[in-house]
C-alpha atoms as a PDB file:
ATOM      1  CA  MET A   1     -27.784 -55.295   3.503  1.00  0.00           C
ATOM      2  CA  LEU A   2     -31.114 -54.021   4.299  1.00  0.00           C
ATOM      3  CA  LEU A   3     -29.514 -50.947   6.284  1.00  0.00           C
ATOM      4  CA  LYS A   4     -27.680 -50.243   3.079  1.00  0.00           C
ATOM      5  CA  ILE A   5     -31.068 -50.193   1.091  1.00  0.00           C
ATOM      6  CA  GLU A   6     -32.591 -47.980   3.512  1.00  0.00           C
ATOM      7  CA  ASN A   7     -29.684 -45.902   3.532  1.00  0.00           C
ATOM      8  CA  PHE A   8     -29.659 -45.575  -0.255  1.00  0.00           C
ATOM      9  CA  ILE A   9     -33.457 -44.886  -0.355  1.00  0.00           C
ATOM     10  CA  TYR A  10     -33.505 -42.110   2.329  1.00  0.00           C
ATOM     11  CA  ASN A  11     -30.186 -40.563   1.559  1.00  0.00           C
ATOM     12  CA  GLY A  12     -29.493 -41.402  -2.077  1.00  0.00           C
ATOM     13  CA  SER A  13     -30.328 -38.587  -4.582  1.00  0.00           C
ATOM     14  CA  ALA A  14     -33.223 -38.342  -6.939  1.00  0.00           C
ATOM     15  CA  LYS A  15     -30.711 -39.001 -10.019  1.00  0.00           C
ATOM     16  CA  GLN A  16     -29.166 -42.312  -8.147  1.00  0.00           C
ATOM     17  CA  HIS A  17     -32.604 -43.372  -7.632  1.00  0.00           C
ATOM     18  CA  CYS A  18     -33.831 -42.710 -11.340  1.00  0.00           C
ATOM     19  CA  TYR A  19     -31.013 -44.403 -12.648  1.00  0.00           C
ATOM     20  CA  SER A  20     -31.135 -47.340 -10.517  1.00  0.00           C
ATOM     21  CA  LEU A  21     -35.102 -47.545 -11.126  1.00  0.00           C
ATOM     22  CA  PHE A  22     -34.413 -47.584 -15.046  1.00  0.00           C
ATOM     23  CA  LEU A  23     -31.562 -50.300 -14.901  1.00  0.00           C
ATOM     24  CA  ILE A  24     -33.590 -52.519 -12.951  1.00  0.00           C
ATOM     25  CA  GLY A  25     -36.851 -52.170 -15.018  1.00  0.00           C
ATOM     26  CA  LEU A  26     -34.463 -52.797 -18.284  1.00  0.00           C
ATOM     27  CA  PHE A  27     -32.687 -55.802 -16.697  1.00  0.00           C
ATOM     28  CA  ILE A  28     -36.527 -57.405 -15.755  1.00  0.00           C
ATOM     29  CA  ARG A  29     -37.790 -56.574 -19.094  1.00  0.00           C
ATOM     30  CA  THR A  30     -34.759 -57.778 -21.211  1.00  0.00           C
ATOM     31  CA  VAL A  31     -34.875 -61.045 -19.150  1.00  0.00           C
ATOM     32  CA  ARG A  32     -38.698 -61.430 -19.563  1.00  0.00           C
ATOM     33  CA  SER A  33     -38.176 -60.947 -23.363  1.00  0.00           C
ATOM     34  CA  LEU A  34     -35.229 -63.665 -23.548  1.00  0.00           C
ATOM     35  CA  LEU A  35     -37.076 -66.429 -21.699  1.00  0.00           C
ATOM     36  CA  TYR A  36     -40.640 -65.818 -23.149  1.00  0.00           C
ATOM     37  CA  ASN A  37     -40.353 -64.502 -27.034  1.00  0.00           C
ATOM     38  CA  ASP A  38     -44.027 -65.178 -27.623  1.00  0.00           C
ATOM     39  CA  ILE A  39     -45.948 -63.340 -30.109  1.00  0.00           C
ATOM     40  CA  THR A  40     -49.985 -62.271 -29.977  1.00  0.00           C
ATOM     41  CA  PRO A  41     -52.043 -62.211 -32.640  1.00  0.00           C
ATOM     42  CA  ASP A  42     -52.730 -58.489 -32.077  1.00  0.00           C
ATOM     43  CA  ALA A  43     -48.548 -58.179 -32.512  1.00  0.00           C
ATOM     44  CA  VAL A  44     -48.679 -60.326 -35.623  1.00  0.00           C
ATOM     45  CA  LEU A  45     -50.845 -57.551 -37.436  1.00  0.00           C
ATOM     46  CA  TYR A  46     -48.325 -54.730 -36.498  1.00  0.00           C
ATOM     47  CA  VAL A  47     -45.766 -57.039 -37.504  1.00  0.00           C
ATOM     48  CA  THR A  48     -47.266 -57.771 -40.875  1.00  0.00           C
ATOM     49  CA  MET A  49     -47.924 -53.871 -41.674  1.00  0.00           C
ATOM     50  CA  ALA A  50     -44.360 -52.978 -40.809  1.00  0.00           C
ATOM     51  CA  ASN A  51     -43.174 -55.695 -43.442  1.00  0.00           C
ATOM     52  CA  GLU A  52     -45.727 -54.399 -45.793  1.00  0.00           C
ATOM     53  CA  TRP A  53     -44.485 -50.972 -45.547  1.00  0.00           C
ATOM     54  CA  ILE A  54     -40.812 -52.146 -45.887  1.00  0.00           C
ATOM     55  CA  GLY A  55     -41.750 -53.980 -49.063  1.00  0.00           C
ATOM     56  CA  LYS A  56     -44.561 -52.291 -50.881  1.00  0.00           C
ATOM     57  CA  GLY A  57     -45.052 -48.806 -49.139  1.00  0.00           C
ATOM     58  CA  ALA A  58     -47.398 -47.049 -46.552  1.00  0.00           C
ATOM     59  CA  ASP A  59     -50.410 -47.689 -48.887  1.00  0.00           C
ATOM     60  CA  ALA A  60     -50.043 -51.719 -48.699  1.00  0.00           C
ATOM     61  CA  ALA A  61     -49.452 -51.329 -44.808  1.00  0.00           C
ATOM     62  CA  PHE A  62     -52.836 -49.590 -44.208  1.00  0.00           C
ATOM     63  CA  LYS A  63     -54.721 -51.960 -46.441  1.00  0.00           C
ATOM     64  CA  VAL A  64     -53.868 -54.599 -43.929  1.00  0.00           C
ATOM     65  CA  GLN A  65     -55.773 -52.701 -41.317  1.00  0.00           C
ATOM     66  CA  ARG A  66     -57.042 -49.201 -42.124  1.00  0.00           C
ATOM     67  CA  TRP A  67     -57.924 -47.508 -38.609  1.00  0.00           C
ATOM     68  CA  ILE A  68     -54.730 -48.478 -37.079  1.00  0.00           C
ATOM     69  CA  PRO A  69     -52.739 -45.411 -35.876  1.00  0.00           C
ATOM     70  CA  PRO A  70     -49.581 -44.748 -37.646  1.00  0.00           C
ATOM     71  CA  LEU A  71     -46.837 -43.957 -35.325  1.00  0.00           C
ATOM     72  CA  TRP A  72     -46.320 -47.952 -33.761  1.00  0.00           C
ATOM     73  CA  PRO A  73     -46.166 -49.507 -37.445  1.00  0.00           C
ATOM     74  CA  TYR A  74     -44.126 -46.936 -38.719  1.00  0.00           C
ATOM     75  CA  LEU A  75     -41.600 -47.174 -35.601  1.00  0.00           C
ATOM     76  CA  LEU A  76     -41.716 -50.973 -36.324  1.00  0.00           C
ATOM     77  CA  ARG A  77     -40.895 -50.079 -39.807  1.00  0.00           C
ATOM     78  CA  CYS A  78     -37.946 -47.923 -39.096  1.00  0.00           C
ATOM     79  CA  GLY A  79     -36.143 -50.839 -37.674  1.00  0.00           C
ATOM     80  CA  ASP A  80     -35.211 -51.890 -41.018  1.00  0.00           C
ATOM     81  CA  TYR A  81     -32.739 -48.809 -41.577  1.00  0.00           C
ATOM     82  CA  LEU A  82     -30.760 -50.210 -38.501  1.00  0.00           C
ATOM     83  CA  GLY A  83     -31.047 -53.645 -39.995  1.00  0.00           C
ATOM     84  CA  LEU A  84     -33.428 -54.854 -37.443  1.00  0.00           C
ATOM     85  CA  SER A  85     -36.552 -56.915 -37.890  1.00  0.00           C
ATOM     86  CA  PRO A  86     -39.973 -55.522 -37.078  1.00  0.00           C
ATOM     87  CA  GLU A  87     -39.987 -58.279 -34.306  1.00  0.00           C
ATOM     88  CA  MET A  88     -36.485 -57.231 -32.715  1.00  0.00           C
ATOM     89  CA  THR A  89     -37.390 -53.448 -33.091  1.00  0.00           C
ATOM     90  CA  GLY A  90     -40.925 -53.778 -31.144  1.00  0.00           C
ATOM     91  CA  THR A  91     -38.856 -55.727 -28.704  1.00  0.00           C
ATOM     92  CA  VAL A  92     -36.164 -53.049 -28.214  1.00  0.00           C
ATOM     93  CA  ILE A  93     -38.690 -49.907 -28.257  1.00  0.00           C
ATOM     94  CA  GLY A  94     -40.984 -51.712 -25.669  1.00  0.00           C
ATOM     95  CA  VAL A  95     -38.264 -52.670 -23.506  1.00  0.00           C
ATOM     96  CA  THR A  96     -36.480 -49.346 -23.336  1.00  0.00           C
ATOM     97  CA  ALA A  97     -39.542 -47.311 -23.161  1.00  0.00           C
ATOM     98  CA  GLY A  98     -41.291 -49.671 -20.660  1.00  0.00           C
ATOM     99  CA  SER A  99     -38.366 -48.773 -18.403  1.00  0.00           C
ATOM    100  CA  VAL A 100     -39.220 -45.233 -18.304  1.00  0.00           C
ATOM    101  CA  VAL A 101     -42.470 -45.748 -16.477  1.00  0.00           C
ATOM    102  CA  SER A 102     -41.031 -46.321 -13.102  1.00  0.00           C
ATOM    103  CA  LEU A 103     -39.171 -43.096 -13.496  1.00  0.00           C
ATOM    104  CA  CYS A 104     -42.431 -41.292 -13.979  1.00  0.00           C
ATOM    105  CA  GLY A 105     -44.185 -42.575 -11.202  1.00  0.00           C
ATOM    106  CA  TYR A 106     -40.928 -41.610  -9.153  1.00  0.00           C
ATOM    107  CA  ASN A 107     -41.445 -38.000 -10.405  1.00  0.00           C
ATOM    108  CA  ILE A 108     -45.082 -37.864  -9.729  1.00  0.00           C
ATOM    109  CA  CYS A 109     -44.965 -39.059  -5.990  1.00  0.00           C
ATOM    110  CA  MET A 110     -41.556 -36.768  -5.315  1.00  0.00           C
ATOM    111  CA  LYS A 111     -43.732 -34.042  -6.421  1.00  0.00           C
ATOM    112  CA  LEU A 112     -47.092 -34.672  -4.604  1.00  0.00           C
ATOM    113  CA  PHE A 113     -45.759 -36.298  -1.513  1.00  0.00           C
ATOM    114  CA  LYS A 114     -41.892 -34.931  -1.357  1.00  0.00           C
ATOM    115  CA  ARG A 115     -41.063 -38.105   0.400  1.00  0.00           C
ATOM    116  CA  LYS A 116     -38.186 -40.354  -1.133  1.00  0.00           C
ATOM    117  CA  GLU A 117     -39.322 -43.612   0.340  1.00  0.00           C
ATOM    118  CA  ILE A 118     -43.000 -43.203  -1.159  1.00  0.00           C
ATOM    119  CA  ALA A 119     -41.438 -42.288  -4.513  1.00  0.00           C
ATOM    120  CA  VAL A 120     -39.040 -45.136  -4.659  1.00  0.00           C
ATOM    121  CA  LEU A 121     -41.607 -47.785  -3.538  1.00  0.00           C
ATOM    122  CA  ALA A 122     -44.161 -46.365  -6.273  1.00  0.00           C
ATOM    123  CA  GLY A 123     -41.050 -46.754  -8.763  1.00  0.00           C
ATOM    124  CA  VAL A 124     -40.145 -50.163  -7.866  1.00  0.00           C
ATOM    125  CA  ILE A 125     -44.010 -51.516  -8.074  1.00  0.00           C
ATOM    126  CA  LEU A 126     -44.042 -50.038 -11.541  1.00  0.00           C
ATOM    127  CA  CYS A 127     -40.747 -51.275 -12.270  1.00  0.00           C
ATOM    128  CA  ALA A 128     -41.616 -54.771 -11.721  1.00  0.00           C
ATOM    129  CA  HIS A 129     -45.535 -55.064 -11.939  1.00  0.00           C
ATOM    130  CA  PRO A 130     -45.919 -58.130 -14.137  1.00  0.00           C
ATOM    131  CA  ILE A 131     -48.652 -56.563 -16.430  1.00  0.00           C
ATOM    132  CA  LEU A 132     -46.658 -53.796 -17.253  1.00  0.00           C
ATOM    133  CA  VAL A 133     -43.623 -56.033 -17.959  1.00  0.00           C
ATOM    134  CA  ARG A 134     -45.516 -58.173 -20.216  1.00  0.00           C
ATOM    135  CA  TYR A 135     -46.796 -55.206 -21.893  1.00  0.00           C
ATOM    136  CA  SER A 136     -43.175 -53.930 -22.485  1.00  0.00           C
ATOM    137  CA  VAL A 137     -42.262 -57.140 -24.487  1.00  0.00           C
ATOM    138  CA  GLU A 138     -45.534 -58.371 -26.517  1.00  0.00           C
ATOM    139  CA  ARG A 139     -44.737 -55.511 -29.366  1.00  0.00           C
ATOM    140  CA  LEU A 140     -48.108 -54.132 -29.036  1.00  0.00           C
ATOM    141  CA  ARG A 141     -49.164 -50.325 -29.249  1.00  0.00           C
ATOM    142  CA  ASP A 142     -49.521 -50.446 -25.400  1.00  0.00           C
ATOM    143  CA  SER A 143     -45.628 -51.052 -25.168  1.00  0.00           C
ATOM    144  CA  LEU A 144     -45.450 -47.429 -26.593  1.00  0.00           C
ATOM    145  CA  TYR A 145     -48.766 -45.789 -25.436  1.00  0.00           C
ATOM    146  CA  ILE A 146     -48.516 -46.834 -21.701  1.00  0.00           C
ATOM    147  CA  PRO A 147     -45.037 -45.037 -21.419  1.00  0.00           C
ATOM    148  CA  LEU A 148     -46.061 -42.098 -23.316  1.00  0.00           C
ATOM    149  CA  PHE A 149     -49.218 -41.820 -21.116  1.00  0.00           C
ATOM    150  CA  ALA A 150     -46.768 -42.100 -17.764  1.00  0.00           C
ATOM    151  CA  VAL A 151     -44.609 -39.284 -19.253  1.00  0.00           C
ATOM    152  CA  ALA A 152     -47.513 -37.141 -20.079  1.00  0.00           C
ATOM    153  CA  ILE A 153     -49.108 -37.357 -16.627  1.00  0.00           C
ATOM    154  CA  ALA A 154     -45.731 -36.708 -15.167  1.00  0.00           C
ATOM    155  CA  LEU A 155     -45.448 -33.456 -17.343  1.00  0.00           C
ATOM    156  CA  LEU A 156     -49.123 -32.497 -16.298  1.00  0.00           C
ATOM    157  CA  VAL A 157     -48.216 -32.944 -12.687  1.00  0.00           C
ATOM    158  CA  HIS A 158     -45.148 -30.491 -12.712  1.00  0.00           C
ATOM    159  CA  MET A 159     -46.684 -27.932 -15.433  1.00  0.00           C
ATOM    160  CA  VAL A 160     -49.850 -26.984 -13.479  1.00  0.00           C
ATOM    161  CA  ASP A 161     -47.851 -24.830 -11.025  1.00  0.00           C
ATOM    162  CA  SER A 162     -44.769 -23.891 -13.340  1.00  0.00           C
ATOM    163  CA  LYS A 163     -44.190 -20.992 -15.320  1.00  0.00           C
ATOM    164  CA  LYS A 164     -42.142 -23.009 -17.722  1.00  0.00           C
ATOM    165  CA  ILE A 165     -43.897 -23.091 -21.295  1.00  0.00           C
ATOM    166  CA  ILE A 166     -41.594 -25.998 -22.172  1.00  0.00           C
ATOM    167  CA  LEU A 167     -43.184 -28.296 -20.051  1.00  0.00           C
ATOM    168  CA  TRP A 168     -46.654 -27.496 -21.877  1.00  0.00           C
ATOM    169  CA  LEU A 169     -45.160 -27.612 -25.326  1.00  0.00           C
ATOM    170  CA  ALA A 170     -43.457 -31.014 -24.063  1.00  0.00           C
ATOM    171  CA  TYR A 171     -46.968 -32.119 -22.978  1.00  0.00           C
ATOM    172  CA  ALA A 172     -48.565 -31.432 -26.425  1.00  0.00           C
ATOM    173  CA  VAL A 173     -45.796 -33.459 -28.210  1.00  0.00           C
ATOM    174  CA  VAL A 174     -46.297 -36.308 -26.050  1.00  0.00           C
ATOM    175  CA  SER A 175     -50.049 -36.166 -26.372  1.00  0.00           C
ATOM    176  CA  ALA A 176     -49.871 -36.002 -30.074  1.00  0.00           C
ATOM    177  CA  PHE A 177     -47.555 -39.057 -30.185  1.00  0.00           C
ATOM    178  CA  ALA A 178     -49.826 -40.875 -27.845  1.00  0.00           C
ATOM    179  CA  VAL A 179     -52.789 -40.220 -30.321  1.00  0.00           C
ATOM    180  CA  MET A 180     -50.925 -41.384 -32.979  1.00  0.00           C
ATOM    181  CA  THR A 181     -50.324 -44.596 -31.183  1.00  0.00           C
ATOM    182  CA  ARG A 182     -53.759 -45.184 -29.524  1.00  0.00           C
ATOM    183  CA  ARG A 183     -56.915 -43.115 -30.244  1.00  0.00           C
ATOM    184  CA  GLU A 184     -57.582 -43.185 -26.526  1.00  0.00           C
ATOM    185  CA  GLY A 185     -54.876 -40.639 -26.362  1.00  0.00           C
ATOM    186  CA  THR A 186     -57.323 -37.688 -26.911  1.00  0.00           C
ATOM    187  CA  GLU A 187     -58.150 -38.132 -23.248  1.00  0.00           C
ATOM    188  CA  LEU A 188     -54.585 -36.393 -22.445  1.00  0.00           C
ATOM    189  CA  LEU A 189     -55.925 -33.255 -24.279  1.00  0.00           C
ATOM    190  CA  ILE A 190     -58.849 -32.873 -21.830  1.00  0.00           C
ATOM    191  CA  PHE A 191     -56.859 -33.370 -18.515  1.00  0.00           C
ATOM    192  CA  PRO A 192     -55.290 -29.918 -18.422  1.00  0.00           C
ATOM    193  CA  ALA A 193     -58.722 -28.274 -19.176  1.00  0.00           C
ATOM    194  CA  GLY A 194     -60.223 -30.223 -16.441  1.00  0.00           C
ATOM    195  CA  ILE A 195     -57.511 -29.284 -13.873  1.00  0.00           C
ATOM    196  CA  VAL A 196     -57.549 -25.595 -14.612  1.00  0.00           C
ATOM    197  CA  PHE A 197     -61.421 -25.298 -14.357  1.00  0.00           C
ATOM    198  CA  VAL A 198     -61.204 -27.241 -10.898  1.00  0.00           C
ATOM    199  CA  LEU A 199     -58.771 -24.816  -9.798  1.00  0.00           C
ATOM    200  CA  PHE A 200     -60.839 -21.892 -10.693  1.00  0.00           C
ATOM    201  CA  PHE A 201     -64.072 -22.764  -9.473  1.00  0.00           C
ATOM    202  CA  SER A 202     -62.413 -24.038  -6.044  1.00  0.00           C
ATOM    203  CA  LYS A 203     -61.101 -20.363  -6.167  1.00  0.00           C
ATOM    204  CA  GLN A 204     -57.284 -21.632  -6.017  1.00  0.00           C
ATOM    205  CA  LEU A 205     -56.785 -19.325  -9.481  1.00  0.00           C
ATOM    206  CA  THR A 206     -57.314 -15.741  -9.679  1.00  0.00           C
ATOM    207  CA  ILE A 207     -58.590 -14.135 -12.983  1.00  0.00           C
ATOM    208  CA  ARG A 208     -55.234 -13.314 -14.149  1.00  0.00           C
ATOM    209  CA  SER A 209     -53.806 -16.696 -13.564  1.00  0.00           C
ATOM    210  CA  PHE A 210     -56.825 -18.595 -15.163  1.00  0.00           C
ATOM    211  CA  SER A 211     -56.305 -16.327 -17.963  1.00  0.00           C
ATOM    212  CA  LEU A 212     -52.608 -17.376 -18.203  1.00  0.00           C
ATOM    213  CA  PHE A 213     -53.472 -21.065 -17.867  1.00  0.00           C
ATOM    214  CA  ALA A 214     -56.000 -20.779 -20.635  1.00  0.00           C
ATOM    215  CA  ALA A 215     -53.388 -19.240 -22.830  1.00  0.00           C
ATOM    216  CA  LYS A 216     -50.951 -22.024 -22.116  1.00  0.00           C
ATOM    217  CA  TYR A 217     -53.771 -24.532 -22.796  1.00  0.00           C
ATOM    218  CA  CYS A 218     -54.639 -22.941 -26.084  1.00  0.00           C
ATOM    219  CA  THR A 219     -51.128 -23.260 -27.049  1.00  0.00           C
ATOM    220  CA  VAL A 220     -50.812 -26.952 -26.358  1.00  0.00           C
ATOM    221  CA  THR A 221     -54.185 -27.409 -28.427  1.00  0.00           C
ATOM    222  CA  VAL A 222     -52.912 -25.651 -31.499  1.00  0.00           C
ATOM    223  CA  MET A 223     -49.587 -27.582 -31.280  1.00  0.00           C
ATOM    224  CA  PHE A 224     -51.511 -30.882 -30.607  1.00  0.00           C
ATOM    225  CA  PHE A 225     -53.507 -30.588 -33.742  1.00  0.00           C
ATOM    226  CA  THR A 226     -50.579 -28.939 -35.807  1.00  0.00           C
ATOM    227  CA  LEU A 227     -48.720 -32.393 -35.337  1.00  0.00           C
ATOM    228  CA  THR A 228     -51.593 -34.767 -35.603  1.00  0.00           C
ATOM    229  CA  LEU A 229     -53.442 -33.241 -38.745  1.00  0.00           C
ATOM    230  CA  TRP A 230     -49.767 -32.563 -40.492  1.00  0.00           C
ATOM    231  CA  THR A 231     -49.463 -36.687 -39.894  1.00  0.00           C
ATOM    232  CA  LYS A 232     -52.810 -37.135 -41.167  1.00  0.00           C
ATOM    233  CA  SER A 233     -51.854 -35.072 -44.283  1.00  0.00           C
ATOM    234  CA  LEU A 234     -48.608 -37.218 -44.788  1.00  0.00           C
ATOM    235  CA  LEU A 235     -51.352 -40.296 -44.801  1.00  0.00           C
ATOM    236  CA  SER A 236     -53.525 -38.581 -47.344  1.00  0.00           C
ATOM    237  CA  GLY A 237     -52.046 -40.690 -50.339  1.00  0.00           C
ATOM    238  CA  THR A 238     -52.656 -43.862 -48.475  1.00  0.00           C
ATOM    239  CA  CYS A 239     -55.944 -45.895 -47.445  1.00  0.00           C
ATOM    240  CA  SER A 240     -55.404 -45.206 -43.756  1.00  0.00           C
ATOM    241  CA  ASP A 241     -58.514 -44.088 -41.907  1.00  0.00           C
ATOM    242  CA  TRP A 242     -56.966 -42.772 -38.793  1.00  0.00           C
ATOM    243  CA  SER A 243     -57.906 -39.366 -37.434  1.00  0.00           C
ATOM    244  CA  PRO A 244     -56.980 -37.615 -34.196  1.00  0.00           C
ATOM    245  CA  ILE A 245     -60.383 -37.379 -33.246  1.00  0.00           C
ATOM    246  CA  ASP A 246     -62.359 -40.887 -32.827  1.00  0.00           C
ATOM    247  CA  LYS A 247     -64.866 -41.042 -35.614  1.00  0.00           C
ATOM    248  CA  THR A 248     -67.585 -41.765 -32.985  1.00  0.00           C
ATOM    249  CA  LEU A 249     -67.215 -38.439 -31.620  1.00  0.00           C
ATOM    250  CA  GLN A 250     -67.013 -36.427 -34.825  1.00  0.00           C
ATOM    251  CA  PRO A 251     -70.751 -36.434 -35.386  1.00  0.00           C
ATOM    252  CA  ILE A 252     -71.234 -35.254 -31.966  1.00  0.00           C
ATOM    253  CA  LEU A 253     -68.662 -32.514 -32.219  1.00  0.00           C
ATOM    254  CA  GLY A 254     -70.288 -31.477 -35.336  1.00  0.00           C
ATOM    255  CA  SER A 255     -73.518 -31.252 -33.909  1.00  0.00           C
ATOM    256  CA  ILE A 256     -72.371 -29.035 -31.030  1.00  0.00           C
ATOM    257  CA  MET A 257     -70.674 -26.778 -33.384  1.00  0.00           C
ATOM    258  CA  GLU A 258     -74.008 -26.287 -35.405  1.00  0.00           C
ATOM    259  CA  GLY A 259     -75.803 -25.652 -32.002  1.00  0.00           C
ATOM    260  CA  LYS A 260     -78.060 -28.764 -32.597  1.00  0.00           C
ATOM    261  CA  LYS A 261     -78.929 -31.811 -30.414  1.00  0.00           C
ATOM    262  CA  TYR A 262     -77.044 -34.968 -31.527  1.00  0.00           C
ATOM    263  CA  GLY A 263     -79.284 -37.153 -33.870  1.00  0.00           C
ATOM    264  CA  GLU A 264     -81.306 -34.240 -35.042  1.00  0.00           C
END
């Protein structure tokens, strides 16, 4: 048995590894959701917002909690189109999306280390990690945010030395979805700029390569704010207080743009 597993790790294709990790993760999370169908106080808030959205519209949903980013309650609300309750919708999304995290870990390790055994080990750890499994089934925003963050990091690792603009555009879309789930997603907009500057000042990039990276990063930024600000405009008729830029940063950014010290 152990010899078969070892042979599969070393001789199996990346596609076989990914399929296996996804199915194992899906099985573990499905069993966890069936055995412990508990619901946390935070999850009650999101389910309540979704029910209000279904019955009375978006404005009523955000009256429950104004600052909540819109994507998670909206997805819970969309389950009604398929005849699913918000609770079941959250479980289905969390279990399915959570099973993708291990694939991201596998791909990141294959890109960085190029060794199948390390990538499979990382995938198995992420696949069966108790905290990640719990988050997947608790109907929290983290049930979606963690997979989105993992996908974004996997894209980031691949796009840094790739000429494919589609990877940069995909990163912008995933980052926008992440910030529509949790405000902490704005950090994903900073990561590519940080990597580009580190590579440039470590003299691993020429001026031409740096200019190309900068142009791609500007494209990412434009698409990110196009998607998030468009979403905010859709919520303008509601009492939603959500913004793609955390309100605690807005005065600081405003002062920087005006050339003043914060607090003046």
